[in-house]
Amino acid sequence: MKKPQLLVIGVILIVLGIVALLWKNFTYTDRETVLNIKDVVKVQADTEKSVSIPPILGGVSLAAGVALLIVAARK
């Protein structure tokens, strides 16, 4: 890879790693069809789901970004 590509990928990984370390989980709403009778009656339910981001994932991303910046600086 060329130096500018390594720099961009390294910075992106660092930013993603910091965001993952600061923002430990996120929630989203999913709409599910509970009952559907021949398109006449349709009952839907909104369920809130939560996804947690492991801190190790943020740390690995941050470390990989720093490593890419070091490699790009040596080229």
C-alpha atoms as a PDB file:
ATOM      1  CA  MET A   1       0.000   0.000   0.000  1.00  0.00           C
ATOM      2  CA  LYS A   2       1.042   3.551  -0.551  1.00  0.00           C
ATOM      3  CA  LYS A   3       1.772   5.981   2.249  1.00  0.00           C
ATOM      4  CA  PRO A   4      -1.380   8.146   1.863  1.00  0.00           C
ATOM      5  CA  GLN A   5      -3.619   5.063   1.938  1.00  0.00           C
ATOM      6  CA  LEU A   6      -1.966   3.816   5.127  1.00  0.00           C
ATOM      7  CA  LEU A   7      -2.370   7.222   6.745  1.00  0.00           C
ATOM      8  CA  VAL A   8      -6.072   7.417   5.901  1.00  0.00           C
ATOM      9  CA  ILE A   9      -6.803   3.879   7.089  1.00  0.00           C
ATOM     10  CA  GLY A  10      -4.758   4.468  10.249  1.00  0.00           C
ATOM     11  CA  VAL A  11      -6.643   7.653  11.117  1.00  0.00           C
ATOM     12  CA  ILE A  12     -10.002   5.972  10.445  1.00  0.00           C
ATOM     13  CA  LEU A  13      -9.083   3.065  12.738  1.00  0.00           C
ATOM     14  CA  ILE A  14      -7.957   5.457  15.473  1.00  0.00           C
ATOM     15  CA  VAL A  15     -11.203   7.429  15.284  1.00  0.00           C
ATOM     16  CA  LEU A  16     -13.291   4.229  15.303  1.00  0.00           C
ATOM     17  CA  GLY A  17     -11.288   2.912  18.256  1.00  0.00           C
ATOM     18  CA  ILE A  18     -11.822   6.090  20.279  1.00  0.00           C
ATOM     19  CA  VAL A  19     -15.542   6.109  19.461  1.00  0.00           C
ATOM     20  CA  ALA A  20     -15.834   2.434  20.459  1.00  0.00           C
ATOM     21  CA  LEU A  21     -14.088   3.104  23.778  1.00  0.00           C
ATOM     22  CA  LEU A  22     -16.247   6.128  24.587  1.00  0.00           C
ATOM     23  CA  TRP A  23     -19.561   4.760  23.300  1.00  0.00           C
ATOM     24  CA  LYS A  24     -19.888   1.354  24.933  1.00  0.00           C
ATOM     25  CA  ASN A  25     -23.302   0.376  23.553  1.00  0.00           C
ATOM     26  CA  PHE A  26     -26.065   1.599  21.300  1.00  0.00           C
ATOM     27  CA  THR A  27     -29.755   0.841  20.954  1.00  0.00           C
ATOM     28  CA  TYR A  28     -32.020   0.666  17.950  1.00  0.00           C
ATOM     29  CA  THR A  29     -35.693  -0.024  17.342  1.00  0.00           C
ATOM     30  CA  ASP A  30     -36.807  -2.940  15.211  1.00  0.00           C
ATOM     31  CA  ARG A  31     -40.362  -3.272  13.888  1.00  0.00           C
ATOM     32  CA  GLU A  32     -41.662  -6.826  13.716  1.00  0.00           C
ATOM     33  CA  THR A  33     -44.948  -8.130  12.326  1.00  0.00           C
ATOM     34  CA  VAL A  34     -46.651 -10.047  15.119  1.00  0.00           C
ATOM     35  CA  LEU A  35     -49.920 -10.928  13.387  1.00  0.00           C
ATOM     36  CA  ASN A  36     -50.847 -10.829   9.708  1.00  0.00           C
ATOM     37  CA  ILE A  37     -54.252 -12.090   8.571  1.00  0.00           C
ATOM     38  CA  LYS A  38     -54.556 -11.980   4.760  1.00  0.00           C
ATOM     39  CA  ASP A  39     -53.392  -8.360   4.618  1.00  0.00           C
ATOM     40  CA  VAL A  40     -56.615  -7.272   6.357  1.00  0.00           C
ATOM     41  CA  VAL A  41     -55.322  -7.198   9.902  1.00  0.00           C
ATOM     42  CA  LYS A  42     -51.684  -6.447  10.474  1.00  0.00           C
ATOM     43  CA  VAL A  43     -50.258  -6.048  13.981  1.00  0.00           C
ATOM     44  CA  GLN A  44     -46.725  -4.804  14.383  1.00  0.00           C
ATOM     45  CA  ALA A  45     -44.629  -4.368  17.486  1.00  0.00           C
ATOM     46  CA  ASP A  46     -41.636  -2.105  18.002  1.00  0.00           C
ATOM     47  CA  THR A  47     -38.886  -3.759  20.010  1.00  0.00           C
ATOM     48  CA  GLU A  48     -35.868  -1.911  21.320  1.00  0.00           C
ATOM     49  CA  LYS A  49     -32.630  -3.835  20.991  1.00  0.00           C
ATOM     50  CA  SER A  50     -29.256  -3.025  22.490  1.00  0.00           C
ATOM     51  CA  VAL A  51     -25.826  -3.909  21.112  1.00  0.00           C
ATOM     52  CA  SER A  52     -22.767  -3.630  23.324  1.00  0.00           C
ATOM     53  CA  ILE A  53     -19.317  -2.935  21.927  1.00  0.00           C
ATOM     54  CA  PRO A  54     -16.534  -4.791  23.770  1.00  0.00           C
ATOM     55  CA  PRO A  55     -13.765  -2.450  24.979  1.00  0.00           C
ATOM     56  CA  ILE A  56     -11.154  -4.833  23.576  1.00  0.00           C
ATOM     57  CA  LEU A  57     -12.496  -4.128  20.078  1.00  0.00           C
ATOM     58  CA  GLY A  58     -11.920  -0.400  20.563  1.00  0.00           C
ATOM     59  CA  GLY A  59      -8.451  -1.026  21.958  1.00  0.00           C
ATOM     60  CA  VAL A  60      -7.454  -3.298  19.086  1.00  0.00           C
ATOM     61  CA  SER A  61      -8.746  -0.800  16.530  1.00  0.00           C
ATOM     62  CA  LEU A  62      -6.852   2.025  18.224  1.00  0.00           C
ATOM     63  CA  ALA A  63      -3.636  -0.005  18.384  1.00  0.00           C
ATOM     64  CA  ALA A  64      -3.937  -1.074  14.741  1.00  0.00           C
ATOM     65  CA  GLY A  65      -4.447   2.548  13.675  1.00  0.00           C
ATOM     66  CA  VAL A  66      -1.367   3.682  15.584  1.00  0.00           C
ATOM     67  CA  ALA A  67       0.641   0.813  14.079  1.00  0.00           C
ATOM     68  CA  LEU A  68      -0.429   1.830  10.563  1.00  0.00           C
ATOM     69  CA  LEU A  69       0.585   5.437  11.225  1.00  0.00           C
ATOM     70  CA  ILE A  70       4.011   4.272  12.416  1.00  0.00           C
ATOM     71  CA  VAL A  71       4.457   2.078   9.338  1.00  0.00           C
ATOM     72  CA  ALA A  72       3.381   4.945   7.063  1.00  0.00           C
ATOM     73  CA  ALA A  73       5.802   7.333   8.766  1.00  0.00           C
ATOM     74  CA  ARG A  74       8.733   4.963   8.138  1.00  0.00           C
ATOM     75  CA  LYS A  75       7.991   4.651   4.399  1.00  0.00           C
END
